[in-house]
Amino acid sequence: MIIAVAEAGSIGRAAVRLRTSQAALSAKLRRIEQSLGGDLFVRSRSGCVPTPFGDSVLTGARQTVRAEPGPSPRPEPKEPMRVRIGGYAGIMMGELGRRLVSEPWVSGVRLSDNPDSRINIRLIVNGELDVALVYDWPPVALPTPAAVRERVIHPAEPVFVMMSQSHPLAVAPGLSLRALADYPWVDEPAGTTTWPTYLRHVCNHAGVTLHNRLTAANLLEARRLLLSTAAVAPVVATTESAPGLAIRALEGHPLRQRLRLVYRHGTPISARIHRIVQHIGKAYAEHQGCNAAFRTWWHAEGCHAMPVR
């Protein structure tokens, strides 16, 4: 739909191409823009022109279309293989590995946890990983090299926040982004990923300043800091609840991230990618007990956006 609007130069002409009404297409486009947090097109009487943010999203959309499986045959594994899984997606990477070892074409699994999507994509290109789960954050989304294919697992998974159960903010099931500005913010060390750039983009748009006083290299370090301070930390939606800590959703889910499955074209993995996506979808559906915020989001929104459930 985004590609059609960009190529047609207007919502009206794109609606004709997509065999829908201009009003319906305009409403869908507005919902997408609201979920992504920015305008994709500048609208005028003469038509639509992509904004800089829209250009970034349009590039990702075209890459996704090119990555869709075609009718050409894919190579099947001739014998069981050891699958090298990389990336960072909370417990989902481990869930994928656990489920894949039950497949007859898999002899074993090796997991390589790294939060930097740039490194994981490079390892896919170099053949050091077979498949990776990576997060990125439009409008600072990462490009996909020509040798790499991808499937978007979830286009806009929310980011939750974690804090001590005795924290003043823990009494509410949902929090405003502005409320977090009154407390120290625990986040990853600078330069680890492109997440800080996205976080600044969202906070600047909302007129909120977070006090990045504390850093933690991993979830375990963050949990220790939260138990001993009044700090708050961002966590992926599938984070497991832990004793003494509370996980809360942000009102309207202003912080969102895209989960992508990346792999190389023409490999045994590419022949099984639909099955791999199925495993991830089932892992999400069966993980509703991880925290209350995830369960609420999953039923209201998440389950409807997964490619395979």
Protein backbone atom coordinates (compact mmCIF):
# COMPACT_ATOMS: atom_id res chain seq x y z
CA MET A 1 0.00 0.00 0.00
CA ILE A 2 2.81 2.42 0.90
CA ILE A 3 4.62 1.56 -2.32
CA ALA A 4 1.44 2.06 -4.35
CA VAL A 5 0.86 5.55 -2.91
CA ALA A 6 4.48 6.53 -3.57
CA GLU A 7 4.45 5.23 -7.15
CA ALA A 8 1.02 6.65 -8.02
CA GLY A 9 1.81 10.02 -6.47
CA SER A 10 -1.62 10.34 -4.90
CA ILE A 11 -3.94 8.41 -2.61
CA GLY A 12 -6.74 8.56 -5.18
CA ARG A 13 -4.72 6.94 -7.97
CA ALA A 14 -3.27 4.38 -5.53
CA ALA A 15 -6.81 3.49 -4.39
CA VAL A 16 -7.79 2.73 -7.99
CA ARG A 17 -4.73 0.50 -8.39
CA LEU A 18 -5.47 -1.32 -5.13
CA ARG A 19 -9.21 -1.60 -5.91
CA THR A 20 -10.36 0.18 -2.78
CA SER A 21 -11.91 3.54 -1.96
CA GLN A 22 -9.84 6.67 -1.43
CA ALA A 23 -11.38 7.15 2.02
CA ALA A 24 -10.54 3.59 3.12
CA LEU A 25 -6.98 3.85 1.83
CA SER A 26 -6.49 7.24 3.48
CA ALA A 27 -7.76 5.87 6.82
CA LYS A 28 -5.44 2.85 6.63
CA LEU A 29 -2.47 5.06 5.77
CA ARG A 30 -3.21 7.33 8.72
CA ARG A 31 -3.34 4.35 11.10
CA ILE A 32 0.03 3.16 9.83
CA GLU A 33 1.51 6.63 10.32
CA GLN A 34 0.15 6.78 13.85
CA SER A 35 1.62 3.38 14.70
CA LEU A 36 5.03 4.33 13.26
CA GLY A 37 5.05 7.75 14.91
CA GLY A 38 5.43 10.05 11.89
CA ASP A 39 3.98 11.23 8.58
CA LEU A 40 4.99 9.13 5.57
CA PHE A 41 3.78 11.61 2.93
CA VAL A 42 3.30 15.32 2.47
CA ARG A 43 -0.25 15.67 1.14
CA SER A 44 -1.34 18.49 -1.14
CA ARG A 45 -3.85 19.13 -3.92
CA SER A 46 -1.24 18.04 -6.45
CA GLY A 47 -0.67 14.67 -4.76
CA CYS A 48 1.56 12.94 -2.19
CA VAL A 49 5.33 13.19 -1.81
CA PRO A 50 7.24 11.00 0.71
CA THR A 51 8.69 12.77 3.74
CA PRO A 52 12.29 11.92 4.76
CA PHE A 53 10.77 9.51 7.29
CA GLY A 54 8.54 8.15 4.52
CA ASP A 55 11.55 7.55 2.29
CA SER A 56 13.10 5.41 5.03
CA VAL A 57 9.92 3.38 5.51
CA LEU A 58 9.45 3.09 1.75
CA THR A 59 12.94 1.60 1.39
CA GLY A 60 12.11 -1.03 4.01
CA ALA A 61 8.75 -1.75 2.34
CA ARG A 62 10.38 -2.37 -1.02
CA GLN A 63 13.00 -4.61 0.57
CA THR A 64 10.25 -6.60 2.28
CA VAL A 65 8.36 -7.07 -1.00
CA ARG A 66 11.53 -8.24 -2.75
CA ALA A 67 12.17 -10.66 0.14
CA GLU A 68 8.80 -12.41 -0.17
CA PRO A 69 9.19 -16.06 -1.24
CA GLY A 70 8.80 -16.53 -5.01
CA PRO A 71 7.72 -19.54 -7.01
CA SER A 72 11.27 -20.74 -7.76
CA PRO A 73 12.32 -23.93 -5.94
CA ARG A 74 14.40 -23.62 -2.78
CA PRO A 75 17.13 -26.09 -1.81
CA GLU A 76 16.09 -28.66 0.75
CA PRO A 77 18.58 -29.83 3.39
CA LYS A 78 20.04 -33.15 2.28
CA GLU A 79 20.89 -34.19 5.84
CA PRO A 80 20.26 -32.79 9.34
CA MET A 81 22.14 -29.56 9.94
CA ARG A 82 23.28 -27.62 12.98
CA VAL A 83 21.41 -24.30 12.89
CA ARG A 84 23.28 -21.20 14.04
CA ILE A 85 20.80 -18.68 15.46
CA GLY A 86 21.83 -15.17 16.39
CA GLY A 87 20.33 -11.86 17.36
CA TYR A 88 18.47 -10.52 20.32
CA ALA A 89 14.76 -10.87 21.01
CA GLY A 90 14.44 -11.56 24.72
CA ILE A 91 13.55 -15.19 25.33
CA MET A 92 12.25 -15.65 21.78
CA MET A 93 15.66 -16.64 20.43
CA GLY A 94 15.87 -19.44 22.99
CA GLU A 95 12.26 -20.42 22.26
CA LEU A 96 13.07 -20.68 18.56
CA GLY A 97 16.11 -22.86 19.27
CA ARG A 98 14.13 -25.13 21.59
CA ARG A 99 11.45 -25.66 18.97
CA LEU A 100 13.81 -26.16 16.06
CA VAL A 101 15.67 -29.05 17.72
CA SER A 102 12.48 -31.09 17.35
CA GLU A 103 12.61 -30.74 13.55
CA PRO A 104 13.94 -33.82 11.68
CA TRP A 105 16.20 -31.64 9.50
CA VAL A 106 17.95 -30.11 12.54
CA SER A 107 20.80 -31.95 14.26
CA GLY A 108 21.42 -29.26 16.83
CA VAL A 109 21.25 -25.53 17.56
CA ARG A 110 23.86 -22.94 18.49
CA LEU A 111 22.68 -19.63 19.96
CA SER A 112 24.71 -16.40 19.73
CA ASP A 113 23.18 -13.55 21.74
CA ASN A 114 24.11 -10.05 20.54
CA PRO A 115 21.83 -6.98 20.81
CA ASP A 116 23.51 -5.12 17.91
CA SER A 117 21.44 -5.80 14.79
CA ARG A 118 24.21 -4.39 12.60
CA ILE A 119 26.60 -7.12 13.76
CA ASN A 120 24.00 -9.87 13.37
CA ILE A 121 23.20 -8.83 9.81
CA ARG A 122 26.91 -8.79 8.97
CA LEU A 123 27.29 -12.30 10.41
CA ILE A 124 24.42 -13.47 8.19
CA VAL A 125 26.11 -11.93 5.13
CA ASN A 126 29.43 -13.59 6.05
CA GLY A 127 27.81 -17.00 6.54
CA GLU A 128 28.68 -17.13 10.26
CA LEU A 129 24.99 -17.30 11.21
CA ASP A 130 22.14 -19.12 9.46
CA VAL A 131 19.28 -17.04 10.79
CA ALA A 132 18.92 -14.11 13.19
CA LEU A 133 16.16 -12.34 15.07
CA VAL A 134 16.90 -8.61 15.09
CA TYR A 135 15.13 -5.51 16.33
CA ASP A 136 15.26 -2.14 14.66
CA TRP A 137 13.46 1.11 15.24
CA PRO A 138 11.99 3.00 12.29
CA PRO A 139 12.67 5.80 11.37
CA VAL A 140 16.28 4.77 12.11
CA ALA A 141 15.75 1.35 10.54
CA LEU A 142 18.74 -0.59 9.28
CA PRO A 143 19.13 -1.41 5.58
CA THR A 144 19.13 -5.00 4.40
CA PRO A 145 22.12 -5.99 2.20
CA ALA A 146 21.36 -7.54 -1.19
CA ALA A 147 22.45 -11.02 -0.08
CA VAL A 148 20.07 -11.00 2.88
CA ARG A 149 16.37 -11.78 2.93
CA GLU A 150 13.98 -10.97 5.74
CA ARG A 151 10.54 -11.65 7.16
CA VAL A 152 8.98 -9.07 9.45
CA ILE A 153 7.74 -10.99 12.48
CA HIS A 154 6.10 -7.99 14.12
CA PRO A 155 6.09 -4.48 12.64
CA ALA A 156 5.49 -2.55 15.87
CA GLU A 157 6.09 -4.53 19.05
CA PRO A 158 5.78 -2.26 22.11
CA VAL A 159 8.60 -1.60 24.54
CA PHE A 160 7.57 -1.90 28.19
CA VAL A 161 9.26 -0.53 31.33
CA MET A 162 10.46 -2.36 34.41
CA MET A 163 10.87 -1.04 37.94
CA SER A 164 10.84 -2.18 41.55
CA GLN A 165 7.45 -3.28 42.85
CA SER A 166 7.87 -0.63 45.58
CA HIS A 167 8.39 2.10 42.98
CA PRO A 168 5.77 4.91 43.09
CA LEU A 169 4.89 4.28 39.43
CA ALA A 170 4.27 0.57 39.96
CA VAL A 171 0.78 1.14 41.36
CA ALA A 172 -0.64 1.93 37.91
CA PRO A 173 -1.09 -0.70 35.13
CA GLY A 174 -0.15 1.87 32.49
CA LEU A 175 2.19 4.87 32.58
CA SER A 176 2.69 8.02 30.56
CA LEU A 177 6.05 8.63 28.93
CA ARG A 178 6.20 11.97 30.71
CA ALA A 179 5.93 10.31 34.14
CA LEU A 180 9.24 8.53 33.54
CA ALA A 181 11.11 11.85 33.39
CA ASP A 182 10.96 12.16 37.19
CA TYR A 183 13.14 9.09 37.75
CA PRO A 184 16.59 7.83 36.68
CA TRP A 185 16.57 5.88 33.42
CA VAL A 186 18.62 2.70 33.06
CA ASP A 187 19.66 1.89 29.51
CA GLU A 188 22.32 0.17 27.41
CA PRO A 189 25.82 1.66 27.12
CA ALA A 190 26.19 4.25 24.37
CA GLY A 191 27.07 2.83 20.95
CA THR A 192 25.65 -0.65 21.58
CA THR A 193 22.74 -0.31 19.12
CA THR A 194 20.77 2.40 17.30
CA TRP A 195 18.10 2.30 20.05
CA PRO A 196 19.30 5.57 21.74
CA THR A 197 18.80 7.47 18.47
CA TYR A 198 15.24 6.21 18.22
CA LEU A 199 14.57 6.93 21.91
CA ARG A 200 15.71 10.55 21.48
CA HIS A 201 13.49 10.86 18.41
CA VAL A 202 10.39 9.74 20.34
CA CYS A 203 11.20 11.81 23.44
CA ASN A 204 11.90 14.96 21.41
CA HIS A 205 8.59 14.51 19.58
CA ALA A 206 6.80 14.12 22.94
CA GLY A 207 8.69 16.97 24.62
CA VAL A 208 10.09 14.61 27.28
CA THR A 209 13.64 14.45 28.67
CA LEU A 210 14.79 11.22 30.31
CA HIS A 211 17.65 11.26 32.79
CA ASN A 212 20.08 8.63 31.47
CA ARG A 213 22.14 8.34 34.62
CA LEU A 214 22.62 4.58 34.76
CA THR A 215 23.75 1.96 32.25
CA ALA A 216 23.44 -1.83 32.25
CA ALA A 217 25.02 -4.20 29.75
CA ASN A 218 22.28 -6.82 30.13
CA LEU A 219 18.93 -7.56 31.74
CA LEU A 220 20.49 -9.13 34.86
CA GLU A 221 22.49 -5.96 35.61
CA ALA A 222 19.41 -3.82 34.99
CA ARG A 223 17.33 -5.89 37.42
CA ARG A 224 19.94 -5.46 40.16
CA LEU A 225 19.93 -1.68 39.68
CA LEU A 226 16.15 -1.48 39.69
CA LEU A 227 15.88 -3.40 42.95
CA SER A 228 18.25 -1.01 44.72
CA THR A 229 17.22 2.36 43.18
CA ALA A 230 14.17 4.32 42.04
CA ALA A 231 15.21 3.87 38.43
CA VAL A 232 13.15 2.65 35.48
CA ALA A 233 14.42 0.59 32.52
CA PRO A 234 13.02 -0.33 29.08
CA VAL A 235 12.44 -4.02 28.40
CA VAL A 236 11.24 -6.08 25.44
CA ALA A 237 7.57 -7.02 25.63
CA THR A 238 8.25 -10.73 26.22
CA THR A 239 10.43 -10.16 29.31
CA GLU A 240 9.62 -12.57 32.13
CA SER A 241 8.37 -11.13 35.40
CA ALA A 242 10.87 -11.45 38.26
CA PRO A 243 10.48 -11.36 42.05
CA GLY A 244 10.43 -7.81 43.41
CA LEU A 245 10.04 -6.21 39.99
CA ALA A 246 7.06 -4.89 38.04
CA ILE A 247 6.61 -4.61 34.26
CA ARG A 248 4.27 -1.90 33.00
CA ALA A 249 3.04 -0.77 29.59
CA LEU A 250 3.29 2.84 28.43
CA GLU A 251 0.01 4.50 27.53
CA GLY A 252 -0.48 4.41 23.77
CA HIS A 253 2.74 2.41 23.35
CA PRO A 254 4.88 5.36 22.18
CA LEU A 255 8.02 3.18 22.11
CA ARG A 256 7.85 0.42 19.50
CA GLN A 257 10.32 -1.79 17.70
CA ARG A 258 10.20 -3.96 14.60
CA LEU A 259 11.20 -7.61 14.93
CA ARG A 260 12.77 -9.06 11.77
CA LEU A 261 13.92 -12.56 10.88
CA VAL A 262 16.95 -12.31 8.57
CA TYR A 263 18.68 -15.06 6.59
CA ARG A 264 20.59 -15.63 3.34
CA HIS A 265 18.87 -16.34 0.05
CA GLY A 266 19.41 -19.77 -1.54
CA THR A 267 20.31 -21.65 1.64
CA PRO A 268 18.65 -24.67 3.31
CA ILE A 269 17.25 -22.23 5.90
CA SER A 270 15.51 -20.20 3.18
CA ALA A 271 13.66 -23.36 2.13
CA ARG A 272 12.28 -23.71 5.67
CA ILE A 273 11.65 -20.08 6.53
CA HIS A 274 7.86 -20.43 6.64
CA ARG A 275 8.19 -23.22 9.19
CA ILE A 276 10.58 -21.10 11.27
CA VAL A 277 8.12 -18.20 11.25
CA GLN A 278 5.41 -20.61 12.41
CA HIS A 279 7.54 -21.61 15.39
CA ILE A 280 8.04 -17.96 16.38
CA GLY A 281 4.33 -17.20 16.06
CA LYS A 282 3.42 -20.13 18.29
CA ALA A 283 6.07 -19.13 20.83
CA TYR A 284 4.49 -15.67 21.12
CA ALA A 285 1.00 -17.11 21.45
CA GLU A 286 2.09 -19.53 24.19
CA HIS A 287 4.04 -16.90 26.12
CA GLN A 288 1.15 -14.90 27.54
CA GLY A 289 2.15 -15.74 31.10
CA CYS A 290 5.41 -13.80 30.92
CA ASN A 291 3.84 -10.58 32.24
CA ALA A 292 0.40 -8.97 32.48
CA ALA A 293 1.26 -6.09 30.14
CA PHE A 294 2.21 -8.54 27.37
CA ARG A 295 -0.98 -10.54 27.82
CA THR A 296 -3.13 -7.40 27.54
CA TRP A 297 -1.28 -6.15 24.45
CA TRP A 298 -1.31 -9.58 22.80
CA HIS A 299 -5.09 -9.94 22.95
CA ALA A 300 -5.79 -6.32 22.01
CA GLU A 301 -3.29 -5.92 19.19
CA GLY A 302 -0.33 -8.27 18.99
CA CYS A 303 -2.01 -11.48 17.88
CA HIS A 304 -3.60 -9.71 14.92
CA ALA A 305 -0.28 -8.49 13.47
CA MET A 306 1.74 -11.72 13.58
CA PRO A 307 2.38 -13.25 10.14
CA VAL A 308 1.59 -16.76 11.41
CA ARG A 309 -0.30 -17.56 14.62
